[in-house]
C-alpha atoms as a PDB file:
ATOM      1  CA  ARG A   1      -0.046  -0.021   0.034  1.00  0.00           C
ATOM      2  CA  THR A   2       2.982   2.192  -0.060  1.00  0.00           C
ATOM      3  CA  ALA A   3       2.302   5.274  -2.202  1.00  0.00           C
ATOM      4  CA  SER A   4       4.871   6.264  -4.972  1.00  0.00           C
ATOM      5  CA  LEU A   5       7.700   8.497  -3.774  1.00  0.00           C
ATOM      6  CA  LYS A   6       7.905  11.958  -5.318  1.00  0.00           C
ATOM      7  CA  THR A   7      11.014  14.052  -6.227  1.00  0.00           C
ATOM      8  CA  ARG A   8      11.231  17.630  -5.167  1.00  0.00           C
ATOM      9  CA  ASN A   9       9.257  18.772  -8.335  1.00  0.00           C
ATOM     10  CA  HIS A  10       6.519  16.117  -7.823  1.00  0.00           C
ATOM     11  CA  GLN A  11       7.491  13.896 -10.821  1.00  0.00           C
ATOM     12  CA  PRO A  12       6.701  10.301 -10.485  1.00  0.00           C
ATOM     13  CA  HIS A  13       9.708   8.425  -9.021  1.00  0.00           C
ATOM     14  CA  LEU A  14      10.460   5.000  -7.879  1.00  0.00           C
ATOM     15  CA  LEU A  15       8.131   2.676  -6.406  1.00  0.00           C
ATOM     16  CA  CYS A  16       9.697   1.179  -2.982  1.00  0.00           C
ATOM     17  CA  ALA A  17      10.909  -2.128  -2.912  1.00  0.00           C
ATOM     18  CA  GLY A  18       8.267  -3.159  -0.636  1.00  0.00           C
ATOM     19  CA  TYR A  19       5.516  -2.275  -2.742  1.00  0.00           C
ATOM     20  CA  CYS A  20       7.346  -4.361  -5.621  1.00  0.00           C
ATOM     21  CA  ILE A  21       7.568  -7.477  -3.476  1.00  0.00           C
ATOM     22  CA  ALA A  22       3.961  -7.044  -2.152  1.00  0.00           C
ATOM     23  CA  TYR A  23       2.738  -6.831  -5.793  1.00  0.00           C
ATOM     24  CA  ILE A  24       4.823  -9.925  -6.899  1.00  0.00           C
ATOM     25  CA  ALA A  25       3.266 -11.822  -3.863  1.00  0.00           C
ATOM     26  CA  ALA A  26      -0.383 -10.652  -4.518  1.00  0.00           C
ATOM     27  CA  ARG A  27      -0.265 -11.576  -8.267  1.00  0.00           C
ATOM     28  CA  GLN A  28       1.645 -14.641  -7.653  1.00  0.00           C
ATOM     29  CA  VAL A  29       3.901 -13.618 -10.454  1.00  0.00           C
ATOM     30  CA  LYS A  30       5.717 -16.438 -12.159  1.00  0.00           C
ATOM     31  CA  SER A  31       9.720 -16.511 -11.500  1.00  0.00           C
ATOM     32  CA  GLY A  32      10.224 -15.776 -15.178  1.00  0.00           C
ATOM     33  CA  GLU A  33       8.261 -12.615 -14.929  1.00  0.00           C
ATOM     34  CA  VAL A  34      10.036 -11.140 -11.795  1.00  0.00           C
ATOM     35  CA  LYS A  35      13.041  -9.867 -13.843  1.00  0.00           C
ATOM     36  CA  GLU A  36      10.758  -8.013 -16.370  1.00  0.00           C
ATOM     37  CA  LEU A  37       8.570  -6.402 -13.469  1.00  0.00           C
ATOM     38  CA  ALA A  38      11.549  -5.350 -11.517  1.00  0.00           C
ATOM     39  CA  CYS A  39      12.953  -3.706 -14.768  1.00  0.00           C
ATOM     40  CA  LEU A  40       9.816  -1.819 -15.083  1.00  0.00           C
ATOM     41  CA  VAL A  41       9.812  -0.705 -11.585  1.00  0.00           C
ATOM     42  CA  LEU A  42      13.300   0.555 -11.744  1.00  0.00           C
ATOM     43  CA  LEU A  43      12.680   2.436 -14.765  1.00  0.00           C
ATOM     44  CA  GLY A  44       9.524   4.094 -13.438  1.00  0.00           C
ATOM     45  CA  LEU A  45       7.391   2.062 -15.842  1.00  0.00           C
ATOM     46  CA  ASP A  46       5.608  -0.122 -13.124  1.00  0.00           C
ATOM     47  CA  GLN A  47       2.570  -1.841 -14.955  1.00  0.00           C
ATOM     48  CA  ALA A  48       0.870  -2.670 -11.584  1.00  0.00           C
ATOM     49  CA  PRO A  49      -2.063  -0.753 -10.545  1.00  0.00           C
ATOM     50  CA  ASN A  50      -1.190   2.771  -9.460  1.00  0.00           C
ATOM     51  CA  ALA A  51      -0.902   2.537  -5.488  1.00  0.00           C
ATOM     52  CA  GLY A  52      -1.794   6.218  -5.148  1.00  0.00           C
ATOM     53  CA  SER A  53      -4.909   6.150  -7.322  1.00  0.00           C
ATOM     54  CA  ARG A  54      -6.634   2.845  -6.300  1.00  0.00           C
ATOM     55  CA  ALA A  55      -8.709   2.221  -3.474  1.00  0.00           C
ATOM     56  CA  TRP A  56      -7.848  -0.856  -1.291  1.00  0.00           C
ATOM     57  CA  SER A  57     -11.154  -1.907  -0.065  1.00  0.00           C
ATOM     58  CA  SER A  58     -13.141  -4.238  -2.454  1.00  0.00           C
ATOM     59  CA  MET A  59     -16.789  -3.656  -3.024  1.00  0.00           C
ATOM     60  CA  ASP A  60     -19.540  -5.964  -4.219  1.00  0.00           C
ATOM     61  CA  GLY A  61     -21.310  -3.812  -6.703  1.00  0.00           C
ATOM     62  CA  SER A  62     -20.258  -3.358 -10.506  1.00  0.00           C
ATOM     63  CA  LEU A  63     -20.503   0.014 -12.284  1.00  0.00           C
ATOM     64  CA  GLY A  64     -23.942   1.508 -11.668  1.00  0.00           C
ATOM     65  CA  TYR A  65     -23.649   3.491 -15.022  1.00  0.00           C
ATOM     66  CA  ALA A  66     -23.405   0.165 -17.045  1.00  0.00           C
ATOM     67  CA  SER A  67     -26.537  -1.417 -15.453  1.00  0.00           C
ATOM     68  CA  ARG A  68     -28.740   1.814 -15.900  1.00  0.00           C
ATOM     69  CA  LEU A  69     -28.300   1.735 -19.627  1.00  0.00           C
ATOM     70  CA  SER A  70     -30.994   0.423 -21.796  1.00  0.00           C
ATOM     71  CA  HIS A  71     -30.502  -3.249 -22.867  1.00  0.00           C
ATOM     72  CA  ARG A  72     -28.936  -3.564 -26.318  1.00  0.00           C
ATOM     73  CA  GLU A  73     -28.154  -6.732 -28.149  1.00  0.00           C
ATOM     74  CA  ASP A  74     -25.737  -4.996 -30.834  1.00  0.00           C
ATOM     75  CA  LEU A  75     -22.886  -3.514 -28.518  1.00  0.00           C
ATOM     76  CA  GLY A  76     -20.886  -2.633 -31.637  1.00  0.00           C
ATOM     77  CA  GLY A  77     -17.337  -3.774 -32.391  1.00  0.00           C
ATOM     78  CA  GLY A  78     -15.373  -6.812 -31.075  1.00  0.00           C
ATOM     79  CA  LEU A  79     -15.520  -7.972 -27.435  1.00  0.00           C
ATOM     80  CA  GLY A  80     -12.945  -9.838 -25.317  1.00  0.00           C
ATOM     81  CA  ALA A  81     -10.009  -9.548 -27.754  1.00  0.00           C
ATOM     82  CA  ARG A  82      -6.671 -10.941 -26.290  1.00  0.00           C
ATOM     83  CA  GLU A  83      -4.338  -8.313 -24.780  1.00  0.00           C
ATOM     84  CA  TYR A  84      -0.779  -8.104 -25.450  1.00  0.00           C
ATOM     85  CA  LEU A  85       2.208  -6.744 -23.659  1.00  0.00           C
ATOM     86  CA  ASP A  86       5.416  -5.300 -25.396  1.00  0.00           C
ATOM     87  CA  SER A  87       8.566  -6.214 -23.551  1.00  0.00           C
ATOM     88  CA  ALA A  88      10.138  -3.919 -20.962  1.00  0.00           C
ATOM     89  CA  SER A  89      12.733  -2.828 -23.447  1.00  0.00           C
ATOM     90  CA  ASP A  90      10.424  -2.198 -26.299  1.00  0.00           C
ATOM     91  CA  VAL A  91       8.170  -0.055 -23.693  1.00  0.00           C
ATOM     92  CA  LEU A  92      11.147   2.004 -22.731  1.00  0.00           C
ATOM     93  CA  VAL A  93      12.256   2.645 -26.409  1.00  0.00           C
ATOM     94  CA  LYS A  94       8.732   3.419 -27.699  1.00  0.00           C
ATOM     95  CA  ALA A  95       8.062   5.716 -24.628  1.00  0.00           C
ATOM     96  CA  GLY A  96      11.107   7.601 -25.610  1.00  0.00           C
ATOM     97  CA  GLU A  97       9.886   7.845 -29.338  1.00  0.00           C
ATOM     98  CA  LEU A  98       6.442   9.318 -27.986  1.00  0.00           C
ATOM     99  CA  ALA A  99       8.185  11.677 -25.765  1.00  0.00           C
ATOM    100  CA  CYS A 100      10.221  13.010 -28.788  1.00  0.00           C
ATOM    101  CA  MET A 101       7.043  13.467 -30.866  1.00  0.00           C
ATOM    102  CA  LEU A 102       5.199  15.198 -28.071  1.00  0.00           C
ATOM    103  CA  SER A 103       8.413  17.635 -27.637  1.00  0.00           C
ATOM    104  CA  THR A 104       8.165  18.624 -31.233  1.00  0.00           C
ATOM    105  CA  ALA A 105       4.391  18.740 -31.989  1.00  0.00           C
ATOM    106  CA  LYS A 106       2.777  21.922 -32.323  1.00  0.00           C
ATOM    107  CA  HIS A 107      -0.927  20.953 -31.807  1.00  0.00           C
ATOM    108  CA  VAL A 108      -1.548  17.839 -29.826  1.00  0.00           C
ATOM    109  CA  VAL A 109      -5.054  16.121 -29.433  1.00  0.00           C
ATOM    110  CA  VAL A 110      -5.459  13.234 -27.138  1.00  0.00           C
ATOM    111  CA  TYR A 111      -8.294  10.619 -27.391  1.00  0.00           C
ATOM    112  CA  THR A 112      -8.972   8.672 -24.018  1.00  0.00           C
ATOM    113  CA  GLY A 113     -10.854   5.374 -23.450  1.00  0.00           C
ATOM    114  CA  ALA A 114     -11.690   3.195 -20.421  1.00  0.00           C
ATOM    115  CA  GLY A 115      -8.153   1.885 -20.450  1.00  0.00           C
ATOM    116  CA  ILE A 116      -6.880   5.106 -18.765  1.00  0.00           C
ATOM    117  CA  SER A 117      -9.267   4.352 -15.833  1.00  0.00           C
ATOM    118  CA  THR A 118      -8.627   0.671 -15.070  1.00  0.00           C
ATOM    119  CA  SER A 119      -5.822   1.435 -12.544  1.00  0.00           C
ATOM    120  CA  CYS A 120      -8.239   3.256 -10.769  1.00  0.00           C
ATOM    121  CA  GLY A 121     -10.317   0.283 -10.133  1.00  0.00           C
ATOM    122  CA  ILE A 122     -12.894   0.862 -12.812  1.00  0.00           C
ATOM    123  CA  PRO A 123     -13.458  -2.098 -15.155  1.00  0.00           C
ATOM    124  CA  ASP A 124     -13.189  -1.387 -18.877  1.00  0.00           C
ATOM    125  CA  PHE A 125     -15.934  -2.561 -21.236  1.00  0.00           C
ATOM    126  CA  ARG A 126     -14.337  -4.517 -24.100  1.00  0.00           C
ATOM    127  CA  GLY A 127     -11.392  -6.215 -22.554  1.00  0.00           C
ATOM    128  CA  PRO A 128     -11.394  -9.994 -21.743  1.00  0.00           C
ATOM    129  CA  GLN A 129     -13.314  -9.193 -18.348  1.00  0.00           C
ATOM    130  CA  GLY A 130     -15.030  -6.161 -19.550  1.00  0.00           C
ATOM    131  CA  VAL A 131     -18.612  -5.086 -18.870  1.00  0.00           C
ATOM    132  CA  TRP A 132     -19.881  -5.645 -22.362  1.00  0.00           C
ATOM    133  CA  THR A 133     -17.714  -8.863 -22.959  1.00  0.00           C
ATOM    134  CA  LEU A 134     -19.187 -10.556 -19.827  1.00  0.00           C
ATOM    135  CA  GLN A 135     -22.670  -9.412 -20.675  1.00  0.00           C
ATOM    136  CA  ARG A 136     -22.452 -10.944 -24.268  1.00  0.00           C
ATOM    137  CA  GLN A 137     -21.281 -14.308 -22.431  1.00  0.00           C
ATOM    138  CA  GLY A 138     -24.316 -14.184 -20.137  1.00  0.00           C
ATOM    139  CA  GLN A 139     -22.074 -13.655 -17.062  1.00  0.00           C
ATOM    140  CA  PRO A 140     -22.384 -11.083 -14.180  1.00  0.00           C
ATOM    141  CA  PRO A 141     -20.743  -7.641 -14.761  1.00  0.00           C
ATOM    142  CA  PRO A 142     -17.226  -7.417 -13.450  1.00  0.00           C
ATOM    143  CA  LYS A 143     -16.853  -6.231  -9.874  1.00  0.00           C
ATOM    144  CA  ALA A 144     -15.382  -2.837  -9.383  1.00  0.00           C
ATOM    145  CA  SER A 145     -12.756  -2.608  -6.788  1.00  0.00           C
ATOM    146  CA  VAL A 146     -13.745   1.042  -5.742  1.00  0.00           C
ATOM    147  CA  ARG A 147     -16.975   2.973  -5.660  1.00  0.00           C
ATOM    148  CA  PHE A 148     -17.423   4.974  -8.766  1.00  0.00           C
ATOM    149  CA  ASP A 149     -17.711   8.122  -6.871  1.00  0.00           C
ATOM    150  CA  HIS A 150     -14.618   7.260  -4.634  1.00  0.00           C
ATOM    151  CA  ALA A 151     -12.130   6.659  -7.677  1.00  0.00           C
ATOM    152  CA  TYR A 152      -9.049   8.937  -8.011  1.00  0.00           C
ATOM    153  CA  PRO A 153      -7.682  10.074 -11.316  1.00  0.00           C
ATOM    154  CA  SER A 154      -4.760   7.829 -12.515  1.00  0.00           C
ATOM    155  CA  LEU A 155      -1.271   8.805 -13.232  1.00  0.00           C
ATOM    156  CA  THR A 156      -2.116   9.264 -16.781  1.00  0.00           C
ATOM    157  CA  HIS A 157      -4.959  11.824 -15.932  1.00  0.00           C
ATOM    158  CA  MET A 158      -2.508  13.856 -13.934  1.00  0.00           C
ATOM    159  CA  VAL A 159       0.253  13.632 -16.532  1.00  0.00           C
ATOM    160  CA  LEU A 160      -2.287  15.099 -19.115  1.00  0.00           C
ATOM    161  CA  VAL A 161      -3.014  17.937 -16.957  1.00  0.00           C
ATOM    162  CA  GLY A 162       0.715  18.570 -16.710  1.00  0.00           C
ATOM    163  CA  LEU A 163       0.997  18.482 -20.447  1.00  0.00           C
ATOM    164  CA  GLN A 164      -1.787  21.011 -20.720  1.00  0.00           C
ATOM    165  CA  ARG A 165      -0.340  23.360 -18.331  1.00  0.00           C
ATOM    166  CA  MET A 166       2.998  23.263 -20.210  1.00  0.00           C
ATOM    167  CA  GLY A 167       0.971  24.190 -23.298  1.00  0.00           C
ATOM    168  CA  ARG A 168       1.470  20.876 -25.013  1.00  0.00           C
ATOM    169  CA  LEU A 169      -1.986  19.685 -25.171  1.00  0.00           C
ATOM    170  CA  ALA A 170      -4.878  21.458 -27.181  1.00  0.00           C
ATOM    171  CA  LEU A 171      -7.668  19.170 -26.242  1.00  0.00           C
ATOM    172  CA  VAL A 172      -8.635  15.804 -24.696  1.00  0.00           C
ATOM    173  CA  VAL A 173     -11.494  13.987 -26.282  1.00  0.00           C
ATOM    174  CA  SER A 174     -12.678  11.428 -23.958  1.00  0.00           C
ATOM    175  CA  GLN A 175     -15.201   8.403 -24.266  1.00  0.00           C
ATOM    176  CA  ASN A 176     -15.338   7.966 -20.584  1.00  0.00           C
ATOM    177  CA  VAL A 177     -18.173   8.927 -18.142  1.00  0.00           C
ATOM    178  CA  ASP A 178     -16.319   8.592 -14.895  1.00  0.00           C
ATOM    179  CA  CYS A 179     -15.606  12.459 -14.403  1.00  0.00           C
ATOM    180  CA  LEU A 180     -11.960  11.787 -13.588  1.00  0.00           C
ATOM    181  CA  HIS A 181     -10.674  14.203 -16.222  1.00  0.00           C
ATOM    182  CA  ILE A 182     -12.514  17.057 -14.612  1.00  0.00           C
ATOM    183  CA  ARG A 183     -11.580  15.803 -11.015  1.00  0.00           C
ATOM    184  CA  SER A 184      -7.890  15.851 -12.296  1.00  0.00           C
ATOM    185  CA  GLY A 185      -8.068  19.442 -12.593  1.00  0.00           C
ATOM    186  CA  LEU A 186      -8.112  19.557 -16.541  1.00  0.00           C
ATOM    187  CA  PRO A 187      -9.830  22.850 -17.648  1.00  0.00           C
ATOM    188  CA  ARG A 188     -13.116  22.325 -18.837  1.00  0.00           C
ATOM    189  CA  GLU A 189     -12.455  24.294 -22.130  1.00  0.00           C
ATOM    190  CA  ARG A 190      -9.792  21.627 -22.742  1.00  0.00           C
ATOM    191  CA  LEU A 191     -12.184  18.672 -22.506  1.00  0.00           C
ATOM    192  CA  ALA A 192     -14.828  17.137 -24.839  1.00  0.00           C
ATOM    193  CA  GLU A 193     -16.666  14.224 -23.296  1.00  0.00           C
ATOM    194  CA  LEU A 194     -18.464  12.390 -26.231  1.00  0.00           C
ATOM    195  CA  HIS A 195     -20.474   9.985 -24.057  1.00  0.00           C
ATOM    196  CA  GLY A 196     -21.439  12.269 -21.374  1.00  0.00           C
ATOM    197  CA  ASN A 197     -20.445  12.267 -17.654  1.00  0.00           C
ATOM    198  CA  CYS A 198     -22.281  10.542 -14.837  1.00  0.00           C
ATOM    199  CA  PHE A 199     -21.579  13.183 -12.360  1.00  0.00           C
ATOM    200  CA  LEU A 200     -22.934  16.110 -14.378  1.00  0.00           C
ATOM    201  CA  GLU A 201     -25.995  17.992 -14.482  1.00  0.00           C
ATOM    202  CA  VAL A 202     -26.856  20.791 -16.827  1.00  0.00           C
ATOM    203  CA  CYS A 203     -29.572  23.437 -16.919  1.00  0.00           C
ATOM    204  CA  ASP A 204     -32.074  23.492 -19.675  1.00  0.00           C
ATOM    205  CA  THR A 205     -32.346  27.309 -19.610  1.00  0.00           C
ATOM    206  CA  CYS A 206     -28.879  28.739 -18.950  1.00  0.00           C
ATOM    207  CA  ARG A 207     -26.747  25.722 -19.681  1.00  0.00           C
ATOM    208  CA  ARG A 208     -24.812  26.153 -16.303  1.00  0.00           C
ATOM    209  CA  GLU A 209     -23.125  22.973 -15.367  1.00  0.00           C
ATOM    210  CA  TYR A 210     -23.106  21.243 -11.893  1.00  0.00           C
ATOM    211  CA  VAL A 211     -20.320  18.674 -11.121  1.00  0.00           C
ATOM    212  CA  ARG A 212     -21.807  16.469  -8.392  1.00  0.00           C
ATOM    213  CA  ASP A 213     -19.820  14.434  -5.907  1.00  0.00           C
ATOM    214  CA  PHE A 214     -22.281  11.637  -6.314  1.00  0.00           C
ATOM    215  CA  GLU A 215     -23.522   9.626  -9.312  1.00  0.00           C
ATOM    216  CA  VAL A 216     -26.580  11.101 -10.889  1.00  0.00           C
ATOM    217  CA  PRO A 217     -29.086   8.429 -10.805  1.00  0.00           C
ATOM    218  CA  SER A 218     -30.584   8.683 -14.179  1.00  0.00           C
ATOM    219  CA  VAL A 219     -29.091   8.257 -17.741  1.00  0.00           C
ATOM    220  CA  GLY A 220     -30.379   9.389 -21.013  1.00  0.00           C
ATOM    221  CA  LEU A 221     -30.421  13.240 -20.565  1.00  0.00           C
ATOM    222  CA  LYS A 222     -33.583  13.001 -18.290  1.00  0.00           C
ATOM    223  CA  HIS A 223     -34.791  15.575 -15.890  1.00  0.00           C
ATOM    224  CA  THR A 224     -33.168  14.972 -12.375  1.00  0.00           C
ATOM    225  CA  GLY A 225     -35.947  16.737 -10.339  1.00  0.00           C
ATOM    226  CA  ARG A 226     -33.326  19.411  -9.294  1.00  0.00           C
ATOM    227  CA  ALA A 227     -33.332  23.106 -10.430  1.00  0.00           C
ATOM    228  CA  CYS A 228     -30.735  25.419 -11.378  1.00  0.00           C
ATOM    229  CA  GLU A 229     -29.342  27.704  -8.337  1.00  0.00           C
ATOM    230  CA  HIS A 230     -29.030  30.490 -10.780  1.00  0.00           C
ATOM    231  CA  CYS A 231     -32.224  30.647 -12.861  1.00  0.00           C
ATOM    232  CA  ARG A 232     -34.311  27.841 -11.423  1.00  0.00           C
ATOM    233  CA  GLY A 233     -34.244  26.005 -14.786  1.00  0.00           C
ATOM    234  CA  ALA A 234     -34.656  22.292 -14.741  1.00  0.00           C
ATOM    235  CA  LEU A 235     -31.496  20.126 -14.548  1.00  0.00           C
ATOM    236  CA  ARG A 236     -30.791  17.028 -16.765  1.00  0.00           C
ATOM    237  CA  ASP A 237     -28.269  14.346 -16.376  1.00  0.00           C
ATOM    238  CA  GLN A 238     -25.499  14.477 -19.000  1.00  0.00           C
ATOM    239  CA  CYS A 239     -24.734  10.578 -19.295  1.00  0.00           C
ATOM    240  CA  LEU A 240     -25.771   9.366 -22.658  1.00  0.00           C
ATOM    241  CA  ASP A 241     -27.891   6.181 -23.322  1.00  0.00           C
ATOM    242  CA  TRP A 242     -27.316   4.016 -26.443  1.00  0.00           C
ATOM    243  CA  ASP A 243     -29.858   5.977 -28.556  1.00  0.00           C
ATOM    244  CA  ASN A 244     -28.793   9.570 -27.692  1.00  0.00           C
ATOM    245  CA  GLU A 245     -26.975  11.624 -30.145  1.00  0.00           C
ATOM    246  CA  LEU A 246     -23.547  12.866 -29.282  1.00  0.00           C
ATOM    247  CA  PRO A 247     -23.130  16.363 -27.803  1.00  0.00           C
ATOM    248  CA  ALA A 248     -23.055  18.519 -30.840  1.00  0.00           C
ATOM    249  CA  ASP A 249     -20.698  21.185 -29.178  1.00  0.00           C
ATOM    250  CA  ASP A 250     -18.152  18.607 -28.043  1.00  0.00           C
ATOM    251  CA  MET A 251     -18.279  16.923 -31.425  1.00  0.00           C
ATOM    252  CA  ALA A 252     -17.747  19.944 -33.429  1.00  0.00           C
ATOM    253  CA  ARG A 253     -14.904  21.162 -31.065  1.00  0.00           C
ATOM    254  CA  SER A 254     -13.231  17.663 -31.324  1.00  0.00           C
ATOM    255  CA  LYS A 255     -13.268  17.810 -35.146  1.00  0.00           C
ATOM    256  CA  GLN A 256     -12.054  21.322 -35.220  1.00  0.00           C
ATOM    257  CA  GLU A 257      -9.135  20.506 -32.997  1.00  0.00           C
ATOM    258  CA  THR A 258      -8.254  17.157 -34.492  1.00  0.00           C
ATOM    259  CA  ASP A 259      -8.185  18.933 -37.987  1.00  0.00           C
ATOM    260  CA  LYS A 260      -5.479  20.990 -36.820  1.00  0.00           C
ATOM    261  CA  ALA A 261      -3.520  18.492 -34.874  1.00  0.00           C
ATOM    262  CA  ASP A 262       0.009  17.283 -36.169  1.00  0.00           C
ATOM    263  CA  LEU A 263      -0.126  14.649 -33.399  1.00  0.00           C
ATOM    264  CA  VAL A 264      -3.086  12.518 -32.169  1.00  0.00           C
ATOM    265  CA  LEU A 265      -2.479  10.302 -29.069  1.00  0.00           C
ATOM    266  CA  CYS A 266      -5.119   7.540 -28.569  1.00  0.00           C
ATOM    267  CA  LEU A 267      -4.766   6.072 -24.946  1.00  0.00           C
ATOM    268  CA  GLY A 268      -6.672   3.221 -23.613  1.00  0.00           C
ATOM    269  CA  THR A 269      -9.225   2.916 -26.371  1.00  0.00           C
ATOM    270  CA  SER A 270      -9.924   0.048 -28.653  1.00  0.00           C
ATOM    271  CA  LEU A 271     -10.979   2.494 -31.346  1.00  0.00           C
ATOM    272  CA  GLN A 272     -14.166   0.541 -32.497  1.00  0.00           C
ATOM    273  CA  ILE A 273     -17.274   2.644 -31.954  1.00  0.00           C
ATOM    274  CA  THR A 274     -18.123   5.330 -34.435  1.00  0.00           C
ATOM    275  CA  PRO A 275     -17.966   8.016 -34.976  1.00  0.00           C
ATOM    276  CA  ALA A 276     -15.164   8.640 -32.333  1.00  0.00           C
ATOM    277  CA  CYS A 277     -12.994   5.605 -33.652  1.00  0.00           C
ATOM    278  CA  ASN A 278     -12.626   7.440 -36.920  1.00  0.00           C
ATOM    279  CA  MET A 279     -12.160  10.967 -35.925  1.00  0.00           C
ATOM    280  CA  PRO A 280      -8.253  10.576 -35.145  1.00  0.00           C
ATOM    281  CA  LEU A 281      -7.805   9.838 -38.804  1.00  0.00           C
ATOM    282  CA  ARG A 282      -8.883  13.383 -39.717  1.00  0.00           C
ATOM    283  CA  ALA A 283      -5.408  14.527 -38.472  1.00  0.00           C
ATOM    284  CA  THR A 284      -3.680  11.709 -40.481  1.00  0.00           C
ATOM    285  CA  ARG A 285      -5.331  12.748 -43.720  1.00  0.00           C
ATOM    286  CA  ARG A 286      -3.762  16.126 -43.293  1.00  0.00           C
ATOM    287  CA  GLY A 287      -0.273  14.795 -42.636  1.00  0.00           C
ATOM    288  CA  GLY A 288      -0.512  14.498 -38.771  1.00  0.00           C
ATOM    289  CA  LYS A 289       0.787  11.533 -36.932  1.00  0.00           C
ATOM    290  CA  LEU A 290      -1.299   9.032 -34.855  1.00  0.00           C
ATOM    291  CA  VAL A 291       0.056   7.074 -31.820  1.00  0.00           C
ATOM    292  CA  ILE A 292      -2.020   4.337 -30.172  1.00  0.00           C
ATOM    293  CA  VAL A 293      -1.247   2.981 -26.680  1.00  0.00           C
ATOM    294  CA  ASN A 294      -3.515   0.126 -25.854  1.00  0.00           C
ATOM    295  CA  LEU A 295      -3.296  -3.548 -24.639  1.00  0.00           C
ATOM    296  CA  GLN A 296      -5.561  -4.835 -27.471  1.00  0.00           C
ATOM    297  CA  ARG A 297      -5.055  -4.479 -31.274  1.00  0.00           C
ATOM    298  CA  THR A 298      -7.084  -1.831 -32.862  1.00  0.00           C
ATOM    299  CA  PRO A 299      -8.514  -1.409 -36.282  1.00  0.00           C
ATOM    300  CA  LYS A 300      -6.593   1.688 -36.602  1.00  0.00           C
ATOM    301  CA  ASP A 301      -3.075   0.307 -35.858  1.00  0.00           C
ATOM    302  CA  ALA A 302      -2.047   0.274 -39.647  1.00  0.00           C
ATOM    303  CA  LYS A 303      -2.614   3.893 -39.859  1.00  0.00           C
ATOM    304  CA  ALA A 304      -0.438   4.848 -36.628  1.00  0.00           C
ATOM    305  CA  ALA A 305       3.037   6.022 -36.834  1.00  0.00           C
ATOM    306  CA  LEU A 306       3.599   4.364 -33.332  1.00  0.00           C
ATOM    307  CA  VAL A 307       1.807   1.525 -31.431  1.00  0.00           C
ATOM    308  CA  VAL A 308       2.699   0.596 -27.938  1.00  0.00           C
ATOM    309  CA  ARG A 309       1.279  -2.561 -26.352  1.00  0.00           C
ATOM    310  CA  ALA A 310       1.461  -1.535 -22.502  1.00  0.00           C
ATOM    311  CA  ARG A 311      -0.665  -0.265 -19.702  1.00  0.00           C
ATOM    312  CA  VAL A 312      -1.079   3.461 -20.285  1.00  0.00           C
ATOM    313  CA  ASP A 313       0.322   4.451 -16.816  1.00  0.00           C
ATOM    314  CA  ALA A 314       3.445   2.678 -17.522  1.00  0.00           C
ATOM    315  CA  VAL A 315       4.084   4.592 -20.883  1.00  0.00           C
ATOM    316  CA  MET A 316       2.869   8.053 -19.477  1.00  0.00           C
ATOM    317  CA  ALA A 317       5.163   7.678 -16.512  1.00  0.00           C
ATOM    318  CA  ARG A 318       8.186   7.514 -18.623  1.00  0.00           C
ATOM    319  CA  VAL A 319       7.078  10.220 -20.990  1.00  0.00           C
ATOM    320  CA  ALA A 320       6.597  12.430 -17.935  1.00  0.00           C
ATOM    321  CA  ARG A 321      10.164  11.821 -16.796  1.00  0.00           C
ATOM    322  CA  THR A 322      11.667  12.316 -20.225  1.00  0.00           C
ATOM    323  CA  LEU A 323       9.780  15.661 -20.695  1.00  0.00           C
ATOM    324  CA  GLY A 324       9.965  16.888 -17.111  1.00  0.00           C
ATOM    325  CA  VAL A 325       6.373  17.040 -16.861  1.00  0.00           C
ATOM    326  CA  ALA A 326       5.148  17.910 -13.343  1.00  0.00           C
ATOM    327  CA  GLY A 327       1.776  16.174 -12.994  1.00  0.00           C
ATOM    328  CA  PRO A 328       0.072  18.171 -10.254  1.00  0.00           C
ATOM    329  CA  PRO A 329      -0.770  16.447  -6.893  1.00  0.00           C
ATOM    330  CA  TYR A 330      -4.333  15.349  -6.688  1.00  0.00           C
ATOM    331  CA  VAL A 331      -6.864  17.270  -4.481  1.00  0.00           C
ATOM    332  CA  ARG A 332     -10.396  15.969  -4.437  1.00  0.00           C
END
């Protein structure tokens, strides 16, 4: 349970030896894997769950959000595809290449999916044990290891904030509804949430936003029964159901910024659901570069200048160290 040590400028540093040993014991890591894990830890590329961003108490329930969506047989795209891990040495080299791309890029847009929140204790949707994967198999949904409203932003969330504060990040386009980008401190004008947000209510009349510290019970842009404190207009939830159209303003902003991007970075997304999966290609058609960091193969890998098969936190920790990105400390 030991938290990551920090250097004086708050950059992620080495995990202590005790945490490494505890992780090996808890995961019953085979002897052949110990050397690689140790290498990653010493390089600041630990691929274990982030000790500082994950709750250590278990819970019985799964994500309430998934259970509140209307039932749908066609979940789109593939489910349960195999996950791959590059070797520790390959991760190190590729993370260095990504850092170099980020250092020279003039306009960077980042697309994020469920894979950046798994280290926070939130299950993904299309992985081998994902929400939709198990639903398709007729199995109960996966158990979250932390309550949705108690999840902390991951290392990746905080590194993105650091990049934005350094002027290296134009926009984050997220398919996640967990509110962790907002909680991380990313400015609202630098975030487009294509699938909504389970912790957000918006006034019908004045469009004022309310970020809650609890999950809004409904989904599908329904009235919540609460009123705007400013104009008394009716508030609606902002979590999209299957049949809701994607928010027009966020879509327009995402397209506009992606069209200008010379580098698009896709983190923890399988890039299978339209229209979001095709939007990064708007940049490549104009000469921009595409980088994908994801455990599963994606339909866009062939279009990418760089593909990294690793947990996102492992890659972004090394990128942060190389570029001197000081991810700010998280304050709830």
